[in-house]
Amino acid sequence: MGNAEKLFSAYAVLKSQTNRKEWYLLMFEQLKTLLIDEMQIDADKITLEAELVNDLGFNSLELAELVIHCEETFEIDVDEEIAKDFVTVSDVVEYLEKLTA
């Protein structure tokens, strides 16, 4: 179990004890950990406003890898049509927050 999966397991316990804003911020931290550990993205570049392609340098293959990592880490199925619309880190966080809330 990687760092991202361990954090998600811990966050799952907190889910019932947090409000929506707190859960959103926890999802951001979880995604940030995933981006650092699995995608080797510099932590300083990862903000909610960061664009996956323009700011983080993702190409289409890396976007697909991100979706796979999210599915494995968060134990969800990401709709490919929705994933095509991910532009910013915030877009991914909002989607994860909705699926895991």
PDB file of N, CA and C in Angstrom:
ATOM      1  N   MET A   1       0.852  -1.168   0.000  1.00  0.00           N
ATOM      2  CA  MET A   1       0.000   0.000   0.000  1.00  0.00           C
ATOM      3  C   MET A   1       0.898   1.232   0.000  1.00  0.00           C
ATOM      4  N   GLY A   2       0.701   2.105  -0.996  1.00  0.00           N
ATOM      5  CA  GLY A   2       1.508   3.310  -1.109  1.00  0.00           C
ATOM      6  C   GLY A   2       1.037   4.400  -0.168  1.00  0.00           C
ATOM      7  N   ASN A   3       1.791   5.494  -0.131  1.00  0.00           N
ATOM      8  CA  ASN A   3       1.439   6.609   0.749  1.00  0.00           C
ATOM      9  C   ASN A   3       0.052   7.145   0.453  1.00  0.00           C
ATOM     10  N   ALA A   4      -0.294   7.253  -0.835  1.00  0.00           N
ATOM     11  CA  ALA A   4      -1.597   7.786  -1.202  1.00  0.00           C
ATOM     12  C   ALA A   4      -2.722   6.903  -0.674  1.00  0.00           C
ATOM     13  N   GLU A   5      -2.562   5.578  -0.816  1.00  0.00           N
ATOM     14  CA  GLU A   5      -3.591   4.660  -0.339  1.00  0.00           C
ATOM     15  C   GLU A   5      -3.709   4.704   1.185  1.00  0.00           C
ATOM     16  N   LYS A   6      -2.576   4.787   1.880  1.00  0.00           N
ATOM     17  CA  LYS A   6      -2.595   4.868   3.338  1.00  0.00           C
ATOM     18  C   LYS A   6      -3.318   6.125   3.800  1.00  0.00           C
ATOM     19  N   LEU A   7      -3.021   7.240   3.136  1.00  0.00           N
ATOM     20  CA  LEU A   7      -3.677   8.489   3.515  1.00  0.00           C
ATOM     21  C   LEU A   7      -5.168   8.413   3.253  1.00  0.00           C
ATOM     22  N   PHE A   8      -5.555   7.819   2.122  1.00  0.00           N
ATOM     23  CA  PHE A   8      -6.983   7.727   1.828  1.00  0.00           C
ATOM     24  C   PHE A   8      -7.691   6.878   2.869  1.00  0.00           C
ATOM     25  N   SER A   9      -7.073   5.800   3.284  1.00  0.00           N
ATOM     26  CA  SER A   9      -7.680   4.957   4.316  1.00  0.00           C
ATOM     27  C   SER A   9      -7.895   5.753   5.601  1.00  0.00           C
ATOM     28  N   ALA A  10      -6.906   6.540   5.963  1.00  0.00           N
ATOM     29  CA  ALA A  10      -7.032   7.378   7.162  1.00  0.00           C
ATOM     30  C   ALA A  10      -8.106   8.438   6.954  1.00  0.00           C
ATOM     31  N   TYR A  11      -8.171   9.010   5.758  1.00  0.00           N
ATOM     32  CA  TYR A  11      -9.171  10.025   5.472  1.00  0.00           C
ATOM     33  C   TYR A  11     -10.574   9.449   5.480  1.00  0.00           C
ATOM     34  N   ALA A  12     -10.702   8.204   5.061  1.00  0.00           N
ATOM     35  CA  ALA A  12     -12.020   7.572   5.052  1.00  0.00           C
ATOM     36  C   ALA A  12     -12.616   7.546   6.452  1.00  0.00           C
ATOM     37  N   VAL A  13     -11.777   7.350   7.447  1.00  0.00           N
ATOM     38  CA  VAL A  13     -12.237   7.370   8.833  1.00  0.00           C
ATOM     39  C   VAL A  13     -12.721   8.766   9.206  1.00  0.00           C
ATOM     40  N   LEU A  14     -12.032   9.781   8.705  1.00  0.00           N
ATOM     41  CA  LEU A  14     -12.383  11.161   9.032  1.00  0.00           C
ATOM     42  C   LEU A  14     -13.619  11.654   8.286  1.00  0.00           C
ATOM     43  N   LYS A  15     -13.968  10.994   7.194  1.00  0.00           N
ATOM     44  CA  LYS A  15     -15.036  11.477   6.325  1.00  0.00           C
ATOM     45  C   LYS A  15     -16.321  11.783   7.080  1.00  0.00           C
ATOM     46  N   SER A  16     -16.688  10.899   7.955  1.00  0.00           N
ATOM     47  CA  SER A  16     -17.941  11.088   8.677  1.00  0.00           C
ATOM     48  C   SER A  16     -17.846  12.194   9.723  1.00  0.00           C
ATOM     49  N   GLN A  17     -16.631  12.653  10.007  1.00  0.00           N
ATOM     50  CA  GLN A  17     -16.434  13.655  11.051  1.00  0.00           C
ATOM     51  C   GLN A  17     -16.117  15.036  10.485  1.00  0.00           C
ATOM     52  N   THR A  18     -16.195  15.203   9.162  1.00  0.00           N
ATOM     53  CA  THR A  18     -15.804  16.469   8.558  1.00  0.00           C
ATOM     54  C   THR A  18     -16.956  17.066   7.764  1.00  0.00           C
ATOM     55  N   ASN A  19     -16.903  18.373   7.590  1.00  0.00           N
ATOM     56  CA  ASN A  19     -17.881  19.011   6.726  1.00  0.00           C
ATOM     57  C   ASN A  19     -17.364  18.994   5.285  1.00  0.00           C
ATOM     58  N   ARG A  20     -18.163  19.466   4.376  1.00  0.00           N
ATOM     59  CA  ARG A  20     -17.811  19.375   2.949  1.00  0.00           C
ATOM     60  C   ARG A  20     -16.521  20.127   2.614  1.00  0.00           C
ATOM     61  N   LYS A  21     -16.346  21.324   3.163  1.00  0.00           N
ATOM     62  CA  LYS A  21     -15.139  22.104   2.878  1.00  0.00           C
ATOM     63  C   LYS A  21     -13.891  21.379   3.383  1.00  0.00           C
ATOM     64  N   GLU A  22     -13.977  20.833   4.581  1.00  0.00           N
ATOM     65  CA  GLU A  22     -12.845  20.090   5.133  1.00  0.00           C
ATOM     66  C   GLU A  22     -12.545  18.861   4.278  1.00  0.00           C
ATOM     67  N   TRP A  23     -13.596  18.167   3.844  1.00  0.00           N
ATOM     68  CA  TRP A  23     -13.409  16.976   3.015  1.00  0.00           C
ATOM     69  C   TRP A  23     -12.755  17.352   1.689  1.00  0.00           C
ATOM     70  N   TYR A  24     -13.167  18.471   1.108  1.00  0.00           N
ATOM     71  CA  TYR A  24     -12.584  18.970  -0.141  1.00  0.00           C
ATOM     72  C   TYR A  24     -11.081  19.205   0.044  1.00  0.00           C
ATOM     73  N   LEU A  25     -10.715  19.848   1.134  1.00  0.00           N
ATOM     74  CA  LEU A  25      -9.298  20.115   1.402  1.00  0.00           C
ATOM     75  C   LEU A  25      -8.524  18.818   1.648  1.00  0.00           C
ATOM     76  N   LEU A  26      -9.160  17.851   2.300  1.00  0.00           N
ATOM     77  CA  LEU A  26      -8.516  16.550   2.491  1.00  0.00           C
ATOM     78  C   LEU A  26      -8.304  15.850   1.149  1.00  0.00           C
ATOM     79  N   MET A  27      -9.283  15.959   0.260  1.00  0.00           N
ATOM     80  CA  MET A  27      -9.140  15.365  -1.078  1.00  0.00           C
ATOM     81  C   MET A  27      -7.992  16.023  -1.840  1.00  0.00           C
ATOM     82  N   PHE A  28      -7.852  17.345  -1.667  1.00  0.00           N
ATOM     83  CA  PHE A  28      -6.737  18.041  -2.311  1.00  0.00           C
ATOM     84  C   PHE A  28      -5.400  17.510  -1.797  1.00  0.00           C
ATOM     85  N   GLU A  29      -5.284  17.368  -0.499  1.00  0.00           N
ATOM     86  CA  GLU A  29      -4.037  16.866   0.077  1.00  0.00           C
ATOM     87  C   GLU A  29      -3.749  15.442  -0.393  1.00  0.00           C
ATOM     88  N   GLN A  30      -4.786  14.644  -0.491  1.00  0.00           N
ATOM     89  CA  GLN A  30      -4.630  13.272  -0.963  1.00  0.00           C
ATOM     90  C   GLN A  30      -4.164  13.259  -2.421  1.00  0.00           C
ATOM     91  N   LEU A  31      -4.808  14.075  -3.253  1.00  0.00           N
ATOM     92  CA  LEU A  31      -4.418  14.144  -4.656  1.00  0.00           C
ATOM     93  C   LEU A  31      -3.000  14.683  -4.788  1.00  0.00           C
ATOM     94  N   LYS A  32      -2.655  15.660  -3.983  1.00  0.00           N
ATOM     95  CA  LYS A  32      -1.305  16.224  -4.009  1.00  0.00           C
ATOM     96  C   LYS A  32      -0.272  15.136  -3.690  1.00  0.00           C
ATOM     97  N   THR A  33      -0.554  14.328  -2.680  1.00  0.00           N
ATOM     98  CA  THR A  33       0.344  13.225  -2.332  1.00  0.00           C
ATOM     99  C   THR A  33       0.476  12.254  -3.499  1.00  0.00           C
ATOM    100  N   LEU A  34      -0.633  11.948  -4.134  1.00  0.00           N
ATOM    101  CA  LEU A  34      -0.604  11.054  -5.291  1.00  0.00           C
ATOM    102  C   LEU A  34       0.249  11.656  -6.417  1.00  0.00           C
ATOM    103  N   LEU A  35       0.051  12.937  -6.695  1.00  0.00           N
ATOM    104  CA  LEU A  35       0.815  13.598  -7.766  1.00  0.00           C
ATOM    105  C   LEU A  35       2.307  13.600  -7.470  1.00  0.00           C
ATOM    106  N   ILE A  36       2.667  13.788  -6.218  1.00  0.00           N
ATOM    107  CA  ILE A  36       4.080  13.805  -5.828  1.00  0.00           C
ATOM    108  C   ILE A  36       4.667  12.395  -5.896  1.00  0.00           C
ATOM    109  N   ASP A  37       3.992  11.442  -5.266  1.00  0.00           N
ATOM    110  CA  ASP A  37       4.533  10.086  -5.139  1.00  0.00           C
ATOM    111  C   ASP A  37       4.458   9.275  -6.435  1.00  0.00           C
ATOM    112  N   GLU A  38       3.340   9.362  -7.118  1.00  0.00           N
ATOM    113  CA  GLU A  38       3.127   8.504  -8.285  1.00  0.00           C
ATOM    114  C   GLU A  38       3.481   9.161  -9.610  1.00  0.00           C
ATOM    115  N   MET A  39       3.322  10.475  -9.680  1.00  0.00           N
ATOM    116  CA  MET A  39       3.543  11.177 -10.942  1.00  0.00           C
ATOM    117  C   MET A  39       4.816  12.034 -10.934  1.00  0.00           C
ATOM    118  N   GLN A  40       5.524  12.039  -9.797  1.00  0.00           N
ATOM    119  CA  GLN A  40       6.771  12.778  -9.628  1.00  0.00           C
ATOM    120  C   GLN A  40       6.651  14.271  -9.980  1.00  0.00           C
ATOM    121  N   ILE A  41       5.558  14.878  -9.517  1.00  0.00           N
ATOM    122  CA  ILE A  41       5.342  16.307  -9.723  1.00  0.00           C
ATOM    123  C   ILE A  41       5.915  17.056  -8.525  1.00  0.00           C
ATOM    124  N   ASP A  42       6.592  18.160  -8.794  1.00  0.00           N
ATOM    125  CA  ASP A  42       7.163  18.999  -7.740  1.00  0.00           C
ATOM    126  C   ASP A  42       6.043  19.566  -6.877  1.00  0.00           C
ATOM    127  N   ALA A  43       6.133  19.375  -5.584  1.00  0.00           N
ATOM    128  CA  ALA A  43       5.089  19.802  -4.651  1.00  0.00           C
ATOM    129  C   ALA A  43       4.778  21.290  -4.758  1.00  0.00           C
ATOM    130  N   ASP A  44       5.780  22.108  -5.031  1.00  0.00           N
ATOM    131  CA  ASP A  44       5.579  23.547  -5.117  1.00  0.00           C
ATOM    132  C   ASP A  44       4.692  23.948  -6.291  1.00  0.00           C
ATOM    133  N   LYS A  45       4.586  23.101  -7.296  1.00  0.00           N
ATOM    134  CA  LYS A  45       3.774  23.406  -8.477  1.00  0.00           C
ATOM    135  C   LYS A  45       2.300  23.046  -8.283  1.00  0.00           C
ATOM    136  N   ILE A  46       2.011  22.247  -7.274  1.00  0.00           N
ATOM    137  CA  ILE A  46       0.657  21.717  -7.111  1.00  0.00           C
ATOM    138  C   ILE A  46      -0.190  22.658  -6.267  1.00  0.00           C
ATOM    139  N   THR A  47      -1.086  23.343  -6.940  1.00  0.00           N
ATOM    140  CA  THR A  47      -2.073  24.203  -6.295  1.00  0.00           C
ATOM    141  C   THR A  47      -3.434  23.846  -6.876  1.00  0.00           C
ATOM    142  N   LEU A  48      -4.478  24.305  -6.251  1.00  0.00           N
ATOM    143  CA  LEU A  48      -5.810  24.038  -6.792  1.00  0.00           C
ATOM    144  C   LEU A  48      -5.994  24.660  -8.174  1.00  0.00           C
ATOM    145  N   GLU A  49      -5.327  25.785  -8.416  1.00  0.00           N
ATOM    146  CA  GLU A  49      -5.463  26.485  -9.685  1.00  0.00           C
ATOM    147  C   GLU A  49      -4.544  25.949 -10.778  1.00  0.00           C
ATOM    148  N   ALA A  50      -3.586  25.103 -10.421  1.00  0.00           N
ATOM    149  CA  ALA A  50      -2.610  24.602 -11.395  1.00  0.00           C
ATOM    150  C   ALA A  50      -3.309  23.810 -12.492  1.00  0.00           C
ATOM    151  N   GLU A  51      -2.955  24.125 -13.733  1.00  0.00           N
ATOM    152  CA  GLU A  51      -3.500  23.391 -14.870  1.00  0.00           C
ATOM    153  C   GLU A  51      -2.654  22.149 -15.103  1.00  0.00           C
ATOM    154  N   LEU A  52      -3.328  21.045 -15.315  1.00  0.00           N
ATOM    155  CA  LEU A  52      -2.629  19.766 -15.472  1.00  0.00           C
ATOM    156  C   LEU A  52      -1.660  19.793 -16.644  1.00  0.00           C
ATOM    157  N   VAL A  53      -2.069  20.348 -17.764  1.00  0.00           N
ATOM    158  CA  VAL A  53      -1.219  20.364 -18.958  1.00  0.00           C
ATOM    159  C   VAL A  53      -0.256  21.546 -18.929  1.00  0.00           C
ATOM    160  N   ASN A  54      -0.782  22.746 -18.778  1.00  0.00           N
ATOM    161  CA  ASN A  54       0.050  23.948 -18.894  1.00  0.00           C
ATOM    162  C   ASN A  54       1.006  24.162 -17.730  1.00  0.00           C
ATOM    163  N   ASP A  55       0.578  23.857 -16.517  1.00  0.00           N
ATOM    164  CA  ASP A  55       1.413  24.127 -15.343  1.00  0.00           C
ATOM    165  C   ASP A  55       2.189  22.903 -14.854  1.00  0.00           C
ATOM    166  N   LEU A  56       1.554  21.722 -14.941  1.00  0.00           N
ATOM    167  CA  LEU A  56       2.196  20.512 -14.427  1.00  0.00           C
ATOM    168  C   LEU A  56       2.843  19.682 -15.534  1.00  0.00           C
ATOM    169  N   GLY A  57       2.622  20.072 -16.787  1.00  0.00           N
ATOM    170  CA  GLY A  57       3.295  19.426 -17.907  1.00  0.00           C
ATOM    171  C   GLY A  57       2.748  18.069 -18.320  1.00  0.00           C
ATOM    172  N   PHE A  58       1.511  17.777 -17.978  1.00  0.00           N
ATOM    173  CA  PHE A  58       0.921  16.494 -18.327  1.00  0.00           C
ATOM    174  C   PHE A  58       0.670  16.406 -19.830  1.00  0.00           C
ATOM    175  N   ASN A  59       0.882  15.204 -20.375  1.00  0.00           N
ATOM    176  CA  ASN A  59       0.451  14.910 -21.735  1.00  0.00           C
ATOM    177  C   ASN A  59      -0.734  13.954 -21.636  1.00  0.00           C
ATOM    178  N   SER A  60      -1.281  13.516 -22.762  1.00  0.00           N
ATOM    179  CA  SER A  60      -2.486  12.682 -22.721  1.00  0.00           C
ATOM    180  C   SER A  60      -2.241  11.346 -22.022  1.00  0.00           C
ATOM    181  N   LEU A  61      -1.058  10.772 -22.192  1.00  0.00           N
ATOM    182  CA  LEU A  61      -0.741   9.514 -21.518  1.00  0.00           C
ATOM    183  C   LEU A  61      -0.677   9.712 -20.001  1.00  0.00           C
ATOM    184  N   GLU A  62      -0.077  10.794 -19.565  1.00  0.00           N
ATOM    185  CA  GLU A  62       0.020  11.080 -18.129  1.00  0.00           C
ATOM    186  C   GLU A  62      -1.354  11.383 -17.527  1.00  0.00           C
ATOM    187  N   LEU A  63      -2.228  12.005 -18.298  1.00  0.00           N
ATOM    188  CA  LEU A  63      -3.588  12.230 -17.807  1.00  0.00           C
ATOM    189  C   LEU A  63      -4.302  10.894 -17.602  1.00  0.00           C
ATOM    190  N   ALA A  64      -4.084   9.962 -18.528  1.00  0.00           N
ATOM    191  CA  ALA A  64      -4.669   8.621 -18.386  1.00  0.00           C
ATOM    192  C   ALA A  64      -4.089   7.915 -17.161  1.00  0.00           C
ATOM    193  N   GLU A  65      -2.792   8.070 -16.930  1.00  0.00           N
ATOM    194  CA  GLU A  65      -2.151   7.480 -15.746  1.00  0.00           C
ATOM    195  C   GLU A  65      -2.731   8.076 -14.465  1.00  0.00           C
ATOM    196  N   LEU A  66      -2.972   9.370 -14.475  1.00  0.00           N
ATOM    197  CA  LEU A  66      -3.562  10.020 -13.307  1.00  0.00           C
ATOM    198  C   LEU A  66      -4.930   9.425 -12.995  1.00  0.00           C
ATOM    199  N   VAL A  67      -5.725   9.216 -14.018  1.00  0.00           N
ATOM    200  CA  VAL A  67      -7.055   8.626 -13.834  1.00  0.00           C
ATOM    201  C   VAL A  67      -6.923   7.230 -13.221  1.00  0.00           C
ATOM    202  N   ILE A  68      -5.995   6.437 -13.738  1.00  0.00           N
ATOM    203  CA  ILE A  68      -5.784   5.077 -13.212  1.00  0.00           C
ATOM    204  C   ILE A  68      -5.357   5.124 -11.746  1.00  0.00           C
ATOM    205  N   HIS A  69      -4.425   6.016 -11.427  1.00  0.00           N
ATOM    206  CA  HIS A  69      -3.974   6.152 -10.040  1.00  0.00           C
ATOM    207  C   HIS A  69      -5.128   6.581  -9.134  1.00  0.00           C
ATOM    208  N   CYS A  70      -5.960   7.487  -9.602  1.00  0.00           N
ATOM    209  CA  CYS A  70      -7.113   7.925  -8.802  1.00  0.00           C
ATOM    210  C   CYS A  70      -8.081   6.769  -8.585  1.00  0.00           C
ATOM    211  N   GLU A  71      -8.333   5.990  -9.626  1.00  0.00           N
ATOM    212  CA  GLU A  71      -9.239   4.852  -9.497  1.00  0.00           C
ATOM    213  C   GLU A  71      -8.717   3.848  -8.474  1.00  0.00           C
ATOM    214  N   GLU A  72      -7.423   3.575  -8.531  1.00  0.00           N
ATOM    215  CA  GLU A  72      -6.828   2.614  -7.592  1.00  0.00           C
ATOM    216  C   GLU A  72      -6.781   3.159  -6.172  1.00  0.00           C
ATOM    217  N   THR A  73      -6.372   4.398  -6.032  1.00  0.00           N
ATOM    218  CA  THR A  73      -6.207   4.998  -4.717  1.00  0.00           C
ATOM    219  C   THR A  73      -7.535   5.203  -4.008  1.00  0.00           C
ATOM    220  N   PHE A  74      -8.509   5.736  -4.733  1.00  0.00           N
ATOM    221  CA  PHE A  74      -9.781   6.098  -4.129  1.00  0.00           C
ATOM    222  C   PHE A  74     -10.849   5.018  -4.293  1.00  0.00           C
ATOM    223  N   GLU A  75     -10.479   3.922  -4.953  1.00  0.00           N
ATOM    224  CA  GLU A  75     -11.392   2.804  -5.173  1.00  0.00           C
ATOM    225  C   GLU A  75     -12.696   3.267  -5.817  1.00  0.00           C
ATOM    226  N   ILE A  76     -12.536   3.981  -6.942  1.00  0.00           N
ATOM    227  CA  ILE A  76     -13.672   4.518  -7.689  1.00  0.00           C
ATOM    228  C   ILE A  76     -13.492   4.199  -9.163  1.00  0.00           C
ATOM    229  N   ASP A  77     -14.531   4.427  -9.940  1.00  0.00           N
ATOM    230  CA  ASP A  77     -14.453   4.368 -11.395  1.00  0.00           C
ATOM    231  C   ASP A  77     -14.636   5.785 -11.911  1.00  0.00           C
ATOM    232  N   VAL A  78     -13.645   6.261 -12.656  1.00  0.00           N
ATOM    233  CA  VAL A  78     -13.694   7.614 -13.196  1.00  0.00           C
ATOM    234  C   VAL A  78     -14.316   7.548 -14.589  1.00  0.00           C
ATOM    235  N   ASP A  79     -15.345   8.333 -14.798  1.00  0.00           N
ATOM    236  CA  ASP A  79     -16.001   8.428 -16.097  1.00  0.00           C
ATOM    237  C   ASP A  79     -15.033   9.081 -17.087  1.00  0.00           C
ATOM    238  N   GLU A  80     -14.688   8.365 -18.155  1.00  0.00           N
ATOM    239  CA  GLU A  80     -13.708   8.880 -19.122  1.00  0.00           C
ATOM    240  C   GLU A  80     -14.160  10.172 -19.779  1.00  0.00           C
ATOM    241  N   GLU A  81     -15.454  10.317 -20.000  1.00  0.00           N
ATOM    242  CA  GLU A  81     -15.968  11.548 -20.612  1.00  0.00           C
ATOM    243  C   GLU A  81     -15.764  12.745 -19.687  1.00  0.00           C
ATOM    244  N   ILE A  82     -15.954  12.530 -18.405  1.00  0.00           N
ATOM    245  CA  ILE A  82     -15.736  13.607 -17.432  1.00  0.00           C
ATOM    246  C   ILE A  82     -14.248  13.885 -17.292  1.00  0.00           C
ATOM    247  N   ALA A  83     -13.438  12.836 -17.278  1.00  0.00           N
ATOM    248  CA  ALA A  83     -11.988  12.997 -17.128  1.00  0.00           C
ATOM    249  C   ALA A  83     -11.398  13.837 -18.259  1.00  0.00           C
ATOM    250  N   LYS A  84     -11.989  13.765 -19.434  1.00  0.00           N
ATOM    251  CA  LYS A  84     -11.504  14.570 -20.566  1.00  0.00           C
ATOM    252  C   LYS A  84     -11.635  16.061 -20.294  1.00  0.00           C
ATOM    253  N   ASP A  85     -12.530  16.427 -19.383  1.00  0.00           N
ATOM    254  CA  ASP A  85     -12.756  17.838 -19.061  1.00  0.00           C
ATOM    255  C   ASP A  85     -11.900  18.335 -17.902  1.00  0.00           C
ATOM    256  N   PHE A  86     -11.060  17.478 -17.316  1.00  0.00           N
ATOM    257  CA  PHE A  86     -10.175  17.921 -16.242  1.00  0.00           C
ATOM    258  C   PHE A  86      -9.151  18.896 -16.818  1.00  0.00           C
ATOM    259  N   VAL A  87      -9.158  20.100 -16.302  1.00  0.00           N
ATOM    260  CA  VAL A  87      -8.188  21.118 -16.731  1.00  0.00           C
ATOM    261  C   VAL A  87      -7.253  21.453 -15.575  1.00  0.00           C
ATOM    262  N   THR A  88      -7.837  21.673 -14.402  1.00  0.00           N
ATOM    263  CA  THR A  88      -7.040  22.069 -13.244  1.00  0.00           C
ATOM    264  C   THR A  88      -7.051  20.975 -12.172  1.00  0.00           C
ATOM    265  N   VAL A  89      -6.167  21.122 -11.229  1.00  0.00           N
ATOM    266  CA  VAL A  89      -6.147  20.224 -10.077  1.00  0.00           C
ATOM    267  C   VAL A  89      -7.499  20.313  -9.363  1.00  0.00           C
ATOM    268  N   SER A  90      -8.048  21.488  -9.271  1.00  0.00           N
ATOM    269  CA  SER A  90      -9.340  21.687  -8.633  1.00  0.00           C
ATOM    270  C   SER A  90     -10.442  20.871  -9.310  1.00  0.00           C
ATOM    271  N   ASP A  91     -10.404  20.756 -10.636  1.00  0.00           N
ATOM    272  CA  ASP A  91     -11.395  19.947 -11.352  1.00  0.00           C
ATOM    273  C   ASP A  91     -11.348  18.502 -10.874  1.00  0.00           C
ATOM    274  N   VAL A  92     -10.150  17.975 -10.703  1.00  0.00           N
ATOM    275  CA  VAL A  92      -9.985  16.590 -10.250  1.00  0.00           C
ATOM    276  C   VAL A  92     -10.454  16.458  -8.809  1.00  0.00           C
ATOM    277  N   VAL A  93     -10.077  17.410  -7.970  1.00  0.00           N
ATOM    278  CA  VAL A  93     -10.462  17.376  -6.557  1.00  0.00           C
ATOM    279  C   VAL A  93     -11.985  17.422  -6.421  1.00  0.00           C
ATOM    280  N   GLU A  94     -12.631  18.307  -7.166  1.00  0.00           N
ATOM    281  CA  GLU A  94     -14.085  18.404  -7.095  1.00  0.00           C
ATOM    282  C   GLU A  94     -14.749  17.084  -7.491  1.00  0.00           C
ATOM    283  N   TYR A  95     -14.244  16.461  -8.536  1.00  0.00           N
ATOM    284  CA  TYR A  95     -14.795  15.181  -8.980  1.00  0.00           C
ATOM    285  C   TYR A  95     -14.590  14.096  -7.910  1.00  0.00           C
ATOM    286  N   LEU A  96     -13.378  14.025  -7.359  1.00  0.00           N
ATOM    287  CA  LEU A  96     -13.091  13.036  -6.310  1.00  0.00           C
ATOM    288  C   LEU A  96     -13.946  13.283  -5.078  1.00  0.00           C
ATOM    289  N   GLU A  97     -14.097  14.541  -4.728  1.00  0.00           N
ATOM    290  CA  GLU A  97     -14.880  14.893  -3.538  1.00  0.00           C
ATOM    291  C   GLU A  97     -16.323  14.434  -3.708  1.00  0.00           C
ATOM    292  N   LYS A  98     -16.884  14.622  -4.895  1.00  0.00           N
ATOM    293  CA  LYS A  98     -18.266  14.213  -5.144  1.00  0.00           C
ATOM    294  C   LYS A  98     -18.417  12.698  -5.093  1.00  0.00           C
ATOM    295  N   LEU A  99     -17.450  11.977  -5.635  1.00  0.00           N
ATOM    296  CA  LEU A  99     -17.550  10.511  -5.671  1.00  0.00           C
ATOM    297  C   LEU A  99     -17.280   9.871  -4.325  1.00  0.00           C
ATOM    298  N   THR A 100     -16.533  10.532  -3.478  1.00  0.00           N
ATOM    299  CA  THR A 100     -16.163   9.924  -2.208  1.00  0.00           C
ATOM    300  C   THR A 100     -16.921  10.481  -1.022  1.00  0.00           C
ATOM    301  N   ALA A 101     -17.695  11.527  -1.250  1.00  0.00           N
ATOM    302  CA  ALA A 101     -18.434  12.159  -0.141  1.00  0.00           C
ATOM    303  C   ALA A 101     -19.608  11.308   0.299  1.00  0.00           C
TER     304      ALA A 101
END
